Amino acid sequence: MLNVGLTGGIACGKSTVALMFVTLGAHLIDFDKLAHEAQEPGKPAWKEIVRHFGKDVLNQDETIDRNKLGNIVFNDQKKLKALNNMVHPIVFNLWQERLDKIKINEEHAIILSDVPLLFEGKMQDLFDLTILVMISPKEQIIRLIERNGVSQEDAEKRLKSQMPIAEKIGFADIVIDNQGNIIQTKEKVAEIWRHLKVREATINN
């Protein structure tokens, strides 16, 4: 088994790249989806979030309004840290369960974990290697405004809440520059996939 961490700055196209790897045969564990699962109504993380941030962060169906919660924590590092402390331990346990299940069913699996704040959380030691998907900060802001419909100011705030992409490059084992077109990105992913297959075979021989 090869345990790969995938990360990138906000709006860098990380999810698109992840699906390209899945098409080639990778197993994908999406930390955002695990976080959603951890925050389902009535679950421990949900209870902690409501207790800490109030019922104003809930939708009418009792699910957490991620946009409202995001607006609160992105402007306050202490609140962001508090939220992470509520959610991250549960997400980590869910992730470990997924890893174990895949490994039991497929000994030579290549598992890609999509982790938005991999380097911010100093989680790189959990993986055999890490892949960073990047674009320029200027392009991140443009894509974030287009994708989320946020203002320039809000986009810049969200970008500042993450580690600068230039710093992330120094931590990554493999970097995918995603500023080109989709065909160029697919070619890069295919080349990296070949490398991962060789790496997995080497580790397990």
N, C-alpha and C. Protein backbone atom coordinates (compact mmCIF):
# COMPACT_ATOMS: atom_id res chain seq x y z
N MET A 1 0.84 -1.20 0.00
CA MET A 1 0.00 0.00 0.00
C MET A 1 0.87 1.24 0.00
N LEU A 2 0.45 2.25 -0.76
CA LEU A 2 1.13 3.55 -0.75
C LEU A 2 0.14 4.59 -0.27
N ASN A 3 0.54 5.31 0.77
CA ASN A 3 -0.34 6.28 1.43
C ASN A 3 0.10 7.69 1.03
N VAL A 4 -0.69 8.34 0.17
CA VAL A 4 -0.31 9.63 -0.43
C VAL A 4 -1.21 10.75 0.08
N GLY A 5 -0.62 11.84 0.52
CA GLY A 5 -1.38 13.02 0.90
C GLY A 5 -1.44 14.01 -0.24
N LEU A 6 -2.65 14.45 -0.59
CA LEU A 6 -2.84 15.42 -1.68
C LEU A 6 -3.37 16.73 -1.07
N THR A 7 -2.74 17.82 -1.42
CA THR A 7 -3.20 19.11 -0.90
C THR A 7 -2.99 20.20 -1.94
N GLY A 8 -3.42 21.40 -1.59
CA GLY A 8 -3.27 22.53 -2.49
C GLY A 8 -3.90 23.76 -1.88
N GLY A 9 -3.60 24.89 -2.44
CA GLY A 9 -4.25 26.10 -1.97
C GLY A 9 -5.71 26.11 -2.39
N ILE A 10 -6.49 26.97 -1.78
CA ILE A 10 -7.91 27.09 -2.10
C ILE A 10 -8.08 27.48 -3.57
N ALA A 11 -9.00 26.82 -4.26
CA ALA A 11 -9.34 27.08 -5.67
C ALA A 11 -8.21 26.72 -6.64
N CYS A 12 -7.33 25.80 -6.24
CA CYS A 12 -6.22 25.40 -7.10
C CYS A 12 -6.58 24.25 -8.05
N GLY A 13 -7.76 23.68 -7.89
CA GLY A 13 -8.16 22.56 -8.75
C GLY A 13 -7.77 21.20 -8.19
N LYS A 14 -7.56 21.15 -6.89
CA LYS A 14 -7.13 19.91 -6.24
C LYS A 14 -8.13 18.78 -6.43
N SER A 15 -9.42 19.08 -6.31
CA SER A 15 -10.46 18.04 -6.45
C SER A 15 -10.48 17.47 -7.86
N THR A 16 -10.26 18.31 -8.86
CA THR A 16 -10.20 17.85 -10.25
C THR A 16 -9.03 16.90 -10.44
N VAL A 17 -7.88 17.27 -9.89
CA VAL A 17 -6.69 16.42 -9.98
C VAL A 17 -6.93 15.10 -9.25
N ALA A 18 -7.58 15.14 -8.09
CA ALA A 18 -7.86 13.92 -7.33
C ALA A 18 -8.68 12.95 -8.17
N LEU A 19 -9.70 13.46 -8.87
CA LEU A 19 -10.55 12.59 -9.70
C LEU A 19 -9.78 12.00 -10.88
N MET A 20 -8.79 12.73 -11.36
CA MET A 20 -7.93 12.18 -12.43
C MET A 20 -7.16 10.97 -11.91
N PHE A 21 -6.66 11.06 -10.69
CA PHE A 21 -5.95 9.92 -10.10
C PHE A 21 -6.90 8.74 -9.87
N VAL A 22 -8.13 9.03 -9.46
CA VAL A 22 -9.12 7.97 -9.25
C VAL A 22 -9.39 7.23 -10.56
N THR A 23 -9.49 7.97 -11.64
CA THR A 23 -9.72 7.38 -12.96
C THR A 23 -8.60 6.40 -13.32
N LEU A 24 -7.39 6.70 -12.85
CA LEU A 24 -6.24 5.85 -13.14
C LEU A 24 -6.14 4.65 -12.19
N GLY A 25 -6.92 4.68 -11.10
CA GLY A 25 -6.92 3.52 -10.21
C GLY A 25 -6.68 3.81 -8.74
N ALA A 26 -6.50 5.07 -8.38
CA ALA A 26 -6.26 5.42 -6.98
C ALA A 26 -7.54 5.32 -6.16
N HIS A 27 -7.40 5.02 -4.89
CA HIS A 27 -8.50 5.13 -3.93
C HIS A 27 -8.45 6.52 -3.34
N LEU A 28 -9.59 7.16 -3.20
CA LEU A 28 -9.62 8.53 -2.70
C LEU A 28 -10.36 8.60 -1.36
N ILE A 29 -9.72 9.24 -0.39
CA ILE A 29 -10.38 9.57 0.87
C ILE A 29 -10.39 11.10 0.97
N ASP A 30 -11.57 11.67 0.97
CA ASP A 30 -11.74 13.12 0.95
C ASP A 30 -11.98 13.63 2.38
N PHE A 31 -11.02 14.37 2.91
CA PHE A 31 -11.13 14.85 4.29
C PHE A 31 -12.31 15.80 4.48
N ASP A 32 -12.68 16.55 3.43
CA ASP A 32 -13.86 17.42 3.53
C ASP A 32 -15.12 16.59 3.75
N LYS A 33 -15.22 15.47 3.03
CA LYS A 33 -16.38 14.60 3.19
C LYS A 33 -16.40 13.94 4.57
N LEU A 34 -15.22 13.60 5.06
CA LEU A 34 -15.14 13.04 6.41
C LEU A 34 -15.57 14.09 7.43
N ALA A 35 -15.19 15.34 7.20
CA ALA A 35 -15.59 16.43 8.10
C ALA A 35 -17.10 16.63 8.06
N HIS A 36 -17.70 16.52 6.88
CA HIS A 36 -19.17 16.59 6.75
C HIS A 36 -19.81 15.49 7.57
N GLU A 37 -19.26 14.28 7.42
CA GLU A 37 -19.79 13.13 8.15
C GLU A 37 -19.69 13.35 9.66
N ALA A 38 -18.56 13.90 10.09
CA ALA A 38 -18.34 14.14 11.53
C ALA A 38 -19.30 15.19 12.08
N GLN A 39 -19.78 16.08 11.19
CA GLN A 39 -20.63 17.19 11.63
C GLN A 39 -22.12 16.99 11.33
N GLU A 40 -22.51 15.75 11.04
CA GLU A 40 -23.92 15.49 10.79
C GLU A 40 -24.73 15.74 12.06
N PRO A 41 -25.98 16.21 11.91
CA PRO A 41 -26.81 16.54 13.08
C PRO A 41 -26.84 15.44 14.14
N GLY A 42 -26.59 15.86 15.36
CA GLY A 42 -26.64 14.93 16.49
C GLY A 42 -25.34 14.26 16.83
N LYS A 43 -24.36 14.31 15.90
CA LYS A 43 -23.08 13.66 16.17
C LYS A 43 -22.23 14.55 17.10
N PRO A 44 -21.24 13.96 17.78
CA PRO A 44 -20.46 14.70 18.79
C PRO A 44 -19.88 16.04 18.30
N ALA A 45 -19.29 16.06 17.10
CA ALA A 45 -18.71 17.31 16.60
C ALA A 45 -19.80 18.36 16.37
N TRP A 46 -20.95 17.92 15.87
CA TRP A 46 -22.08 18.83 15.64
C TRP A 46 -22.51 19.46 16.96
N LYS A 47 -22.62 18.65 17.99
CA LYS A 47 -23.04 19.15 19.31
C LYS A 47 -22.05 20.19 19.84
N GLU A 48 -20.76 19.90 19.66
CA GLU A 48 -19.72 20.83 20.13
C GLU A 48 -19.78 22.15 19.38
N ILE A 49 -19.98 22.07 18.06
CA ILE A 49 -20.04 23.28 17.23
C ILE A 49 -21.24 24.15 17.63
N VAL A 50 -22.40 23.52 17.81
CA VAL A 50 -23.60 24.27 18.19
C VAL A 50 -23.43 24.89 19.58
N ARG A 51 -22.82 24.13 20.48
CA ARG A 51 -22.59 24.66 21.84
C ARG A 51 -21.65 25.86 21.82
N HIS A 52 -20.64 25.78 20.96
CA HIS A 52 -19.61 26.83 20.93
C HIS A 52 -20.03 28.05 20.10
N PHE A 53 -20.66 27.80 18.93
CA PHE A 53 -20.95 28.89 18.00
C PHE A 53 -22.42 29.30 17.99
N GLY A 54 -23.28 28.52 18.63
CA GLY A 54 -24.70 28.87 18.68
C GLY A 54 -25.49 28.29 17.53
N LYS A 55 -26.81 28.32 17.67
CA LYS A 55 -27.70 27.73 16.66
C LYS A 55 -27.81 28.59 15.40
N ASP A 56 -27.24 29.78 15.43
CA ASP A 56 -27.26 30.63 14.24
C ASP A 56 -26.49 30.03 13.08
N VAL A 57 -25.60 29.07 13.36
CA VAL A 57 -24.80 28.46 12.28
C VAL A 57 -25.53 27.28 11.64
N LEU A 58 -26.78 27.03 12.05
CA LEU A 58 -27.54 25.90 11.51
C LEU A 58 -28.49 26.33 10.40
N ASN A 59 -28.70 25.42 9.46
CA ASN A 59 -29.76 25.58 8.46
C ASN A 59 -31.08 25.16 9.10
N GLN A 60 -32.16 25.34 8.36
CA GLN A 60 -33.48 24.96 8.88
C GLN A 60 -33.60 23.46 9.17
N ASP A 61 -32.83 22.65 8.42
CA ASP A 61 -32.90 21.19 8.63
C ASP A 61 -31.91 20.70 9.68
N GLU A 62 -31.33 21.67 10.44
CA GLU A 62 -30.40 21.36 11.54
C GLU A 62 -28.98 21.05 11.08
N THR A 63 -28.75 20.97 9.77
CA THR A 63 -27.38 20.79 9.30
C THR A 63 -26.62 22.10 9.49
N ILE A 64 -25.29 21.98 9.53
CA ILE A 64 -24.46 23.17 9.73
C ILE A 64 -24.34 23.95 8.42
N ASP A 65 -24.58 25.24 8.49
CA ASP A 65 -24.39 26.13 7.34
C ASP A 65 -22.90 26.45 7.25
N ARG A 66 -22.22 25.76 6.35
CA ARG A 66 -20.76 25.87 6.27
C ARG A 66 -20.31 27.27 5.86
N ASN A 67 -21.13 27.96 5.06
CA ASN A 67 -20.76 29.32 4.68
C ASN A 67 -20.79 30.26 5.88
N LYS A 68 -21.85 30.15 6.70
CA LYS A 68 -21.94 30.98 7.91
C LYS A 68 -20.79 30.69 8.86
N LEU A 69 -20.55 29.40 9.08
CA LEU A 69 -19.48 29.01 9.99
C LEU A 69 -18.12 29.44 9.43
N GLY A 70 -17.97 29.30 8.12
CA GLY A 70 -16.71 29.72 7.49
C GLY A 70 -16.46 31.20 7.64
N ASN A 71 -17.50 32.01 7.48
CA ASN A 71 -17.34 33.46 7.63
C ASN A 71 -16.93 33.84 9.05
N ILE A 72 -17.39 33.06 10.03
CA ILE A 72 -17.03 33.33 11.43
C ILE A 72 -15.57 32.98 11.69
N VAL A 73 -15.16 31.79 11.28
CA VAL A 73 -13.82 31.33 11.66
C VAL A 73 -12.70 31.89 10.78
N PHE A 74 -13.01 32.22 9.53
CA PHE A 74 -11.95 32.73 8.66
C PHE A 74 -11.48 34.12 9.11
N ASN A 75 -12.27 34.79 9.89
CA ASN A 75 -11.89 36.12 10.38
C ASN A 75 -11.32 36.09 11.79
N ASP A 76 -11.16 34.91 12.36
CA ASP A 76 -10.71 34.82 13.75
C ASP A 76 -9.92 33.52 13.94
N GLN A 77 -8.61 33.65 14.08
CA GLN A 77 -7.74 32.48 14.19
C GLN A 77 -8.06 31.62 15.41
N LYS A 78 -8.46 32.25 16.51
CA LYS A 78 -8.80 31.50 17.73
C LYS A 78 -10.03 30.64 17.50
N LYS A 79 -11.03 31.21 16.81
CA LYS A 79 -12.25 30.45 16.53
C LYS A 79 -11.97 29.32 15.53
N LEU A 80 -11.09 29.61 14.56
CA LEU A 80 -10.72 28.57 13.59
C LEU A 80 -10.03 27.41 14.30
N LYS A 81 -9.13 27.75 15.22
CA LYS A 81 -8.42 26.71 15.98
C LYS A 81 -9.40 25.90 16.83
N ALA A 82 -10.37 26.60 17.45
CA ALA A 82 -11.37 25.91 18.27
C ALA A 82 -12.18 24.93 17.42
N LEU A 83 -12.58 25.37 16.23
CA LEU A 83 -13.35 24.50 15.33
C LEU A 83 -12.53 23.28 14.93
N ASN A 84 -11.27 23.51 14.59
CA ASN A 84 -10.40 22.40 14.19
C ASN A 84 -10.23 21.38 15.31
N ASN A 85 -10.12 21.88 16.54
CA ASN A 85 -9.97 20.98 17.69
C ASN A 85 -11.21 20.12 17.92
N MET A 86 -12.37 20.64 17.51
CA MET A 86 -13.61 19.87 17.65
C MET A 86 -13.73 18.79 16.58
N VAL A 87 -13.31 19.13 15.38
CA VAL A 87 -13.58 18.26 14.23
C VAL A 87 -12.41 17.32 13.90
N HIS A 88 -11.18 17.80 13.99
CA HIS A 88 -10.03 17.04 13.47
C HIS A 88 -9.82 15.67 14.12
N PRO A 89 -9.94 15.54 15.45
CA PRO A 89 -9.73 14.19 16.02
C PRO A 89 -10.72 13.15 15.50
N ILE A 90 -11.95 13.57 15.29
CA ILE A 90 -12.97 12.65 14.78
C ILE A 90 -12.68 12.30 13.32
N VAL A 91 -12.30 13.31 12.55
CA VAL A 91 -11.95 13.08 11.14
C VAL A 91 -10.77 12.12 11.03
N PHE A 92 -9.77 12.29 11.90
CA PHE A 92 -8.60 11.41 11.87
C PHE A 92 -9.00 9.96 12.12
N ASN A 93 -9.89 9.73 13.07
CA ASN A 93 -10.35 8.37 13.37
C ASN A 93 -11.10 7.76 12.18
N LEU A 94 -11.95 8.57 11.54
CA LEU A 94 -12.68 8.09 10.36
C LEU A 94 -11.72 7.75 9.23
N TRP A 95 -10.70 8.60 9.07
CA TRP A 95 -9.68 8.37 8.03
C TRP A 95 -8.95 7.07 8.26
N GLN A 96 -8.55 6.81 9.50
CA GLN A 96 -7.82 5.58 9.82
C GLN A 96 -8.68 4.36 9.54
N GLU A 97 -9.98 4.46 9.83
CA GLU A 97 -10.90 3.35 9.53
C GLU A 97 -10.95 3.07 8.03
N ARG A 98 -11.01 4.14 7.22
CA ARG A 98 -11.05 3.99 5.75
C ARG A 98 -9.76 3.35 5.24
N LEU A 99 -8.62 3.82 5.75
CA LEU A 99 -7.33 3.26 5.34
C LEU A 99 -7.28 1.76 5.60
N ASP A 100 -7.66 1.38 6.82
CA ASP A 100 -7.60 -0.04 7.20
C ASP A 100 -8.51 -0.88 6.32
N LYS A 101 -9.68 -0.37 6.01
CA LYS A 101 -10.65 -1.11 5.20
C LYS A 101 -10.12 -1.33 3.78
N ILE A 102 -9.53 -0.28 3.19
CA ILE A 102 -8.99 -0.40 1.83
C ILE A 102 -7.82 -1.38 1.81
N LYS A 103 -6.96 -1.28 2.81
CA LYS A 103 -5.77 -2.15 2.86
C LYS A 103 -6.15 -3.62 2.97
N ILE A 104 -7.21 -3.91 3.73
CA ILE A 104 -7.67 -5.30 3.88
C ILE A 104 -8.14 -5.85 2.53
N ASN A 105 -8.82 -5.01 1.75
CA ASN A 105 -9.39 -5.46 0.47
C ASN A 105 -8.39 -5.43 -0.68
N GLU A 106 -7.37 -4.58 -0.57
CA GLU A 106 -6.40 -4.45 -1.68
C GLU A 106 -5.02 -4.13 -1.12
N GLU A 107 -4.20 -5.15 -1.04
CA GLU A 107 -2.89 -5.03 -0.39
C GLU A 107 -2.00 -3.98 -1.06
N HIS A 108 -2.08 -3.87 -2.37
CA HIS A 108 -1.19 -2.96 -3.11
C HIS A 108 -1.90 -1.68 -3.56
N ALA A 109 -2.87 -1.26 -2.81
CA ALA A 109 -3.62 -0.05 -3.15
C ALA A 109 -2.74 1.19 -3.07
N ILE A 110 -3.05 2.14 -3.94
CA ILE A 110 -2.49 3.49 -3.80
C ILE A 110 -3.63 4.37 -3.32
N ILE A 111 -3.48 4.87 -2.10
CA ILE A 111 -4.56 5.63 -1.46
C ILE A 111 -4.19 7.11 -1.43
N LEU A 112 -5.06 7.90 -2.00
CA LEU A 112 -4.87 9.35 -2.07
C LEU A 112 -5.81 10.00 -1.06
N SER A 113 -5.26 10.71 -0.10
CA SER A 113 -6.08 11.43 0.87
C SER A 113 -6.05 12.92 0.54
N ASP A 114 -7.22 13.45 0.20
CA ASP A 114 -7.37 14.86 -0.15
C ASP A 114 -7.51 15.65 1.15
N VAL A 115 -6.43 16.36 1.52
CA VAL A 115 -6.38 17.07 2.81
C VAL A 115 -6.11 18.56 2.56
N PRO A 116 -7.13 19.41 2.65
CA PRO A 116 -6.95 20.84 2.34
C PRO A 116 -5.85 21.51 3.16
N LEU A 117 -5.79 21.23 4.46
CA LEU A 117 -4.82 21.91 5.34
C LEU A 117 -3.74 20.95 5.81
N LEU A 118 -3.23 20.15 4.90
CA LEU A 118 -2.25 19.12 5.23
C LEU A 118 -1.01 19.72 5.90
N PHE A 119 -0.43 20.73 5.27
CA PHE A 119 0.80 21.32 5.80
C PHE A 119 0.54 22.24 6.98
N GLU A 120 -0.59 22.96 6.94
CA GLU A 120 -0.95 23.81 8.08
C GLU A 120 -1.10 22.98 9.35
N GLY A 121 -1.65 21.78 9.17
CA GLY A 121 -1.86 20.88 10.30
C GLY A 121 -0.66 20.02 10.64
N LYS A 122 0.44 20.23 9.89
CA LYS A 122 1.68 19.46 10.10
C LYS A 122 1.42 17.96 10.06
N MET A 123 0.65 17.54 9.06
CA MET A 123 0.25 16.13 8.94
C MET A 123 1.08 15.34 7.93
N GLN A 124 2.13 15.97 7.37
CA GLN A 124 2.87 15.30 6.30
C GLN A 124 3.52 13.98 6.75
N ASP A 125 3.81 13.85 8.05
CA ASP A 125 4.43 12.62 8.54
C ASP A 125 3.47 11.43 8.53
N LEU A 126 2.18 11.69 8.32
CA LEU A 126 1.19 10.61 8.25
C LEU A 126 1.24 9.88 6.91
N PHE A 127 1.97 10.44 5.94
CA PHE A 127 1.94 9.92 4.58
C PHE A 127 3.32 9.47 4.10
N ASP A 128 3.31 8.55 3.13
CA ASP A 128 4.56 8.12 2.51
C ASP A 128 5.16 9.23 1.66
N LEU A 129 4.29 10.00 1.04
CA LEU A 129 4.73 11.18 0.28
C LEU A 129 3.55 12.13 0.09
N THR A 130 3.85 13.36 -0.28
CA THR A 130 2.79 14.37 -0.44
C THR A 130 2.85 15.00 -1.83
N ILE A 131 1.66 15.34 -2.34
CA ILE A 131 1.53 16.00 -3.64
C ILE A 131 0.82 17.34 -3.42
N LEU A 132 1.38 18.39 -3.98
CA LEU A 132 0.79 19.73 -3.90
C LEU A 132 0.29 20.16 -5.27
N VAL A 133 -0.99 20.57 -5.34
CA VAL A 133 -1.54 21.17 -6.55
C VAL A 133 -1.51 22.68 -6.35
N MET A 134 -0.92 23.41 -7.30
CA MET A 134 -0.75 24.85 -7.10
C MET A 134 -1.08 25.67 -8.35
N ILE A 135 -1.48 26.91 -8.10
CA ILE A 135 -1.55 27.96 -9.10
C ILE A 135 -1.05 29.22 -8.40
N SER A 136 -0.92 30.30 -9.13
CA SER A 136 -0.43 31.53 -8.51
C SER A 136 -1.50 32.12 -7.59
N PRO A 137 -1.08 32.84 -6.52
CA PRO A 137 -2.06 33.47 -5.63
C PRO A 137 -3.05 34.38 -6.36
N LYS A 138 -2.58 35.09 -7.38
CA LYS A 138 -3.45 35.97 -8.16
C LYS A 138 -4.56 35.16 -8.84
N GLU A 139 -4.15 34.02 -9.41
CA GLU A 139 -5.13 33.15 -10.08
C GLU A 139 -6.07 32.50 -9.06
N GLN A 140 -5.55 32.19 -7.86
CA GLN A 140 -6.41 31.63 -6.80
C GLN A 140 -7.57 32.58 -6.50
N ILE A 141 -7.25 33.86 -6.36
CA ILE A 141 -8.28 34.85 -6.02
C ILE A 141 -9.31 34.96 -7.14
N ILE A 142 -8.85 34.97 -8.38
CA ILE A 142 -9.76 35.04 -9.53
C ILE A 142 -10.71 33.84 -9.54
N ARG A 143 -10.15 32.65 -9.37
CA ARG A 143 -10.96 31.42 -9.41
C ARG A 143 -11.91 31.35 -8.22
N LEU A 144 -11.45 31.81 -7.06
CA LEU A 144 -12.29 31.77 -5.85
C LEU A 144 -13.50 32.68 -5.99
N ILE A 145 -13.28 33.87 -6.56
CA ILE A 145 -14.39 34.81 -6.79
C ILE A 145 -15.40 34.21 -7.77
N GLU A 146 -14.88 33.58 -8.84
CA GLU A 146 -15.76 32.98 -9.85
C GLU A 146 -16.51 31.77 -9.29
N ARG A 147 -15.81 30.95 -8.52
CA ARG A 147 -16.39 29.70 -8.03
C ARG A 147 -17.39 29.90 -6.90
N ASN A 148 -17.02 30.76 -5.93
CA ASN A 148 -17.83 30.91 -4.72
C ASN A 148 -18.70 32.16 -4.71
N GLY A 149 -18.48 33.05 -5.68
CA GLY A 149 -19.26 34.27 -5.73
C GLY A 149 -18.97 35.21 -4.57
N VAL A 150 -17.75 35.15 -4.05
CA VAL A 150 -17.38 36.02 -2.92
C VAL A 150 -16.74 37.30 -3.45
N SER A 151 -16.62 38.28 -2.58
CA SER A 151 -15.99 39.54 -2.96
C SER A 151 -14.47 39.38 -3.01
N GLN A 152 -13.81 40.36 -3.63
CA GLN A 152 -12.34 40.36 -3.67
C GLN A 152 -11.78 40.33 -2.25
N GLU A 153 -12.38 41.12 -1.37
CA GLU A 153 -11.90 41.20 0.02
C GLU A 153 -12.04 39.85 0.73
N ASP A 154 -13.19 39.21 0.56
CA ASP A 154 -13.41 37.91 1.21
C ASP A 154 -12.46 36.86 0.64
N ALA A 155 -12.24 36.90 -0.66
CA ALA A 155 -11.32 35.95 -1.30
C ALA A 155 -9.91 36.12 -0.74
N GLU A 156 -9.50 37.34 -0.58
CA GLU A 156 -8.15 37.61 -0.04
C GLU A 156 -8.04 37.14 1.41
N LYS A 157 -9.10 37.33 2.19
CA LYS A 157 -9.10 36.87 3.59
C LYS A 157 -8.97 35.36 3.66
N ARG A 158 -9.69 34.67 2.80
CA ARG A 158 -9.65 33.20 2.81
C ARG A 158 -8.26 32.71 2.41
N LEU A 159 -7.66 33.42 1.48
CA LEU A 159 -6.32 33.04 1.04
C LEU A 159 -5.32 33.24 2.19
N LYS A 160 -5.48 34.32 2.91
CA LYS A 160 -4.56 34.64 4.02
C LYS A 160 -4.72 33.68 5.18
N SER A 161 -5.88 33.00 5.28
CA SER A 161 -6.09 32.05 6.38
C SER A 161 -5.31 30.76 6.17
N GLN A 162 -4.77 30.57 4.95
CA GLN A 162 -3.97 29.39 4.64
C GLN A 162 -2.50 29.75 4.53
N MET A 163 -1.66 28.74 4.65
CA MET A 163 -0.23 28.92 4.42
C MET A 163 0.00 29.37 2.98
N PRO A 164 0.87 30.38 2.74
CA PRO A 164 1.14 30.80 1.37
C PRO A 164 1.62 29.64 0.51
N ILE A 165 1.18 29.64 -0.74
CA ILE A 165 1.48 28.52 -1.63
C ILE A 165 2.99 28.34 -1.80
N ALA A 166 3.75 29.43 -1.77
CA ALA A 166 5.21 29.35 -1.91
C ALA A 166 5.84 28.55 -0.77
N GLU A 167 5.27 28.69 0.44
CA GLU A 167 5.76 27.92 1.58
C GLU A 167 5.41 26.44 1.44
N LYS A 168 4.22 26.16 0.90
CA LYS A 168 3.79 24.77 0.76
C LYS A 168 4.70 24.00 -0.19
N ILE A 169 5.21 24.69 -1.20
CA ILE A 169 6.09 24.03 -2.18
C ILE A 169 7.29 23.39 -1.47
N GLY A 170 7.79 24.08 -0.45
CA GLY A 170 8.95 23.57 0.28
C GLY A 170 8.69 22.30 1.06
N PHE A 171 7.42 22.02 1.37
CA PHE A 171 7.06 20.83 2.13
C PHE A 171 6.68 19.64 1.23
N ALA A 172 6.31 19.92 -0.01
CA ALA A 172 5.75 18.87 -0.87
C ALA A 172 6.84 18.02 -1.52
N ASP A 173 6.54 16.73 -1.68
CA ASP A 173 7.45 15.84 -2.41
C ASP A 173 7.27 15.98 -3.91
N ILE A 174 6.03 16.22 -4.34
CA ILE A 174 5.71 16.37 -5.75
C ILE A 174 4.81 17.60 -5.90
N VAL A 175 5.09 18.43 -6.91
CA VAL A 175 4.29 19.64 -7.15
C VAL A 175 3.66 19.56 -8.54
N ILE A 176 2.35 19.79 -8.61
CA ILE A 176 1.65 19.86 -9.89
C ILE A 176 1.23 21.31 -10.12
N ASP A 177 1.83 21.94 -11.12
CA ASP A 177 1.45 23.30 -11.50
C ASP A 177 0.19 23.18 -12.37
N ASN A 178 -0.93 23.69 -11.84
CA ASN A 178 -2.23 23.50 -12.49
C ASN A 178 -2.71 24.75 -13.23
N GLN A 179 -1.79 25.58 -13.69
CA GLN A 179 -2.18 26.81 -14.39
C GLN A 179 -2.41 26.58 -15.87
N GLY A 180 -2.02 25.40 -16.37
CA GLY A 180 -2.21 25.12 -17.78
C GLY A 180 -3.62 24.63 -18.06
N ASN A 181 -3.81 24.04 -19.24
CA ASN A 181 -5.14 23.53 -19.59
C ASN A 181 -5.32 22.11 -19.04
N ILE A 182 -6.53 21.59 -19.19
CA ILE A 182 -6.89 20.30 -18.60
C ILE A 182 -6.07 19.16 -19.19
N ILE A 183 -5.73 19.25 -20.46
CA ILE A 183 -4.93 18.19 -21.11
C ILE A 183 -3.53 18.15 -20.51
N GLN A 184 -2.94 19.32 -20.30
CA GLN A 184 -1.60 19.38 -19.70
C GLN A 184 -1.61 18.80 -18.29
N THR A 185 -2.65 19.10 -17.54
CA THR A 185 -2.75 18.57 -16.18
C THR A 185 -2.89 17.06 -16.20
N LYS A 186 -3.71 16.54 -17.11
CA LYS A 186 -3.88 15.09 -17.23
C LYS A 186 -2.57 14.40 -17.54
N GLU A 187 -1.76 15.01 -18.40
CA GLU A 187 -0.46 14.43 -18.76
C GLU A 187 0.46 14.38 -17.54
N LYS A 188 0.44 15.45 -16.74
CA LYS A 188 1.26 15.49 -15.53
C LYS A 188 0.82 14.43 -14.54
N VAL A 189 -0.50 14.30 -14.37
CA VAL A 189 -1.05 13.31 -13.43
C VAL A 189 -0.69 11.90 -13.87
N ALA A 190 -0.79 11.63 -15.18
CA ALA A 190 -0.46 10.29 -15.69
C ALA A 190 1.01 9.95 -15.44
N GLU A 191 1.88 10.93 -15.60
CA GLU A 191 3.31 10.72 -15.35
C GLU A 191 3.56 10.44 -13.87
N ILE A 192 2.91 11.20 -13.01
CA ILE A 192 3.07 11.00 -11.56
C ILE A 192 2.49 9.65 -11.14
N TRP A 193 1.39 9.24 -11.75
CA TRP A 193 0.79 7.95 -11.43
C TRP A 193 1.76 6.81 -11.71
N ARG A 194 2.47 6.91 -12.82
CA ARG A 194 3.47 5.87 -13.14
C ARG A 194 4.54 5.83 -12.04
N HIS A 195 4.94 6.98 -11.58
CA HIS A 195 5.93 7.08 -10.50
C HIS A 195 5.39 6.46 -9.21
N LEU A 196 4.12 6.71 -8.91
CA LEU A 196 3.51 6.18 -7.69
C LEU A 196 3.42 4.65 -7.75
N LYS A 197 3.11 4.12 -8.92
CA LYS A 197 3.02 2.66 -9.09
C LYS A 197 4.39 2.01 -8.82
N VAL A 198 5.43 2.63 -9.33
CA VAL A 198 6.79 2.12 -9.10
C VAL A 198 7.15 2.22 -7.63
N ARG A 199 6.80 3.35 -7.02
CA ARG A 199 7.10 3.58 -5.60
C ARG A 199 6.38 2.53 -4.73
N GLU A 200 5.12 2.25 -5.02
CA GLU A 200 4.37 1.27 -4.25
C GLU A 200 4.99 -0.12 -4.38
N ALA A 201 5.38 -0.48 -5.59
CA ALA A 201 5.99 -1.79 -5.81
C ALA A 201 7.32 -1.91 -5.06
N THR A 202 8.07 -0.81 -5.01
CA THR A 202 9.37 -0.81 -4.33
C THR A 202 9.20 -0.97 -2.82
N ILE A 203 8.21 -0.25 -2.27
CA ILE A 203 7.97 -0.30 -0.83
C ILE A 203 7.60 -1.71 -0.38
N ASN A 204 6.84 -2.41 -1.21
CA ASN A 204 6.29 -3.70 -0.79
C ASN A 204 7.07 -4.91 -1.31
N ASN A 205 8.28 -4.67 -1.79
CA ASN A 205 9.12 -5.79 -2.23
C ASN A 205 10.32 -5.94 -1.32
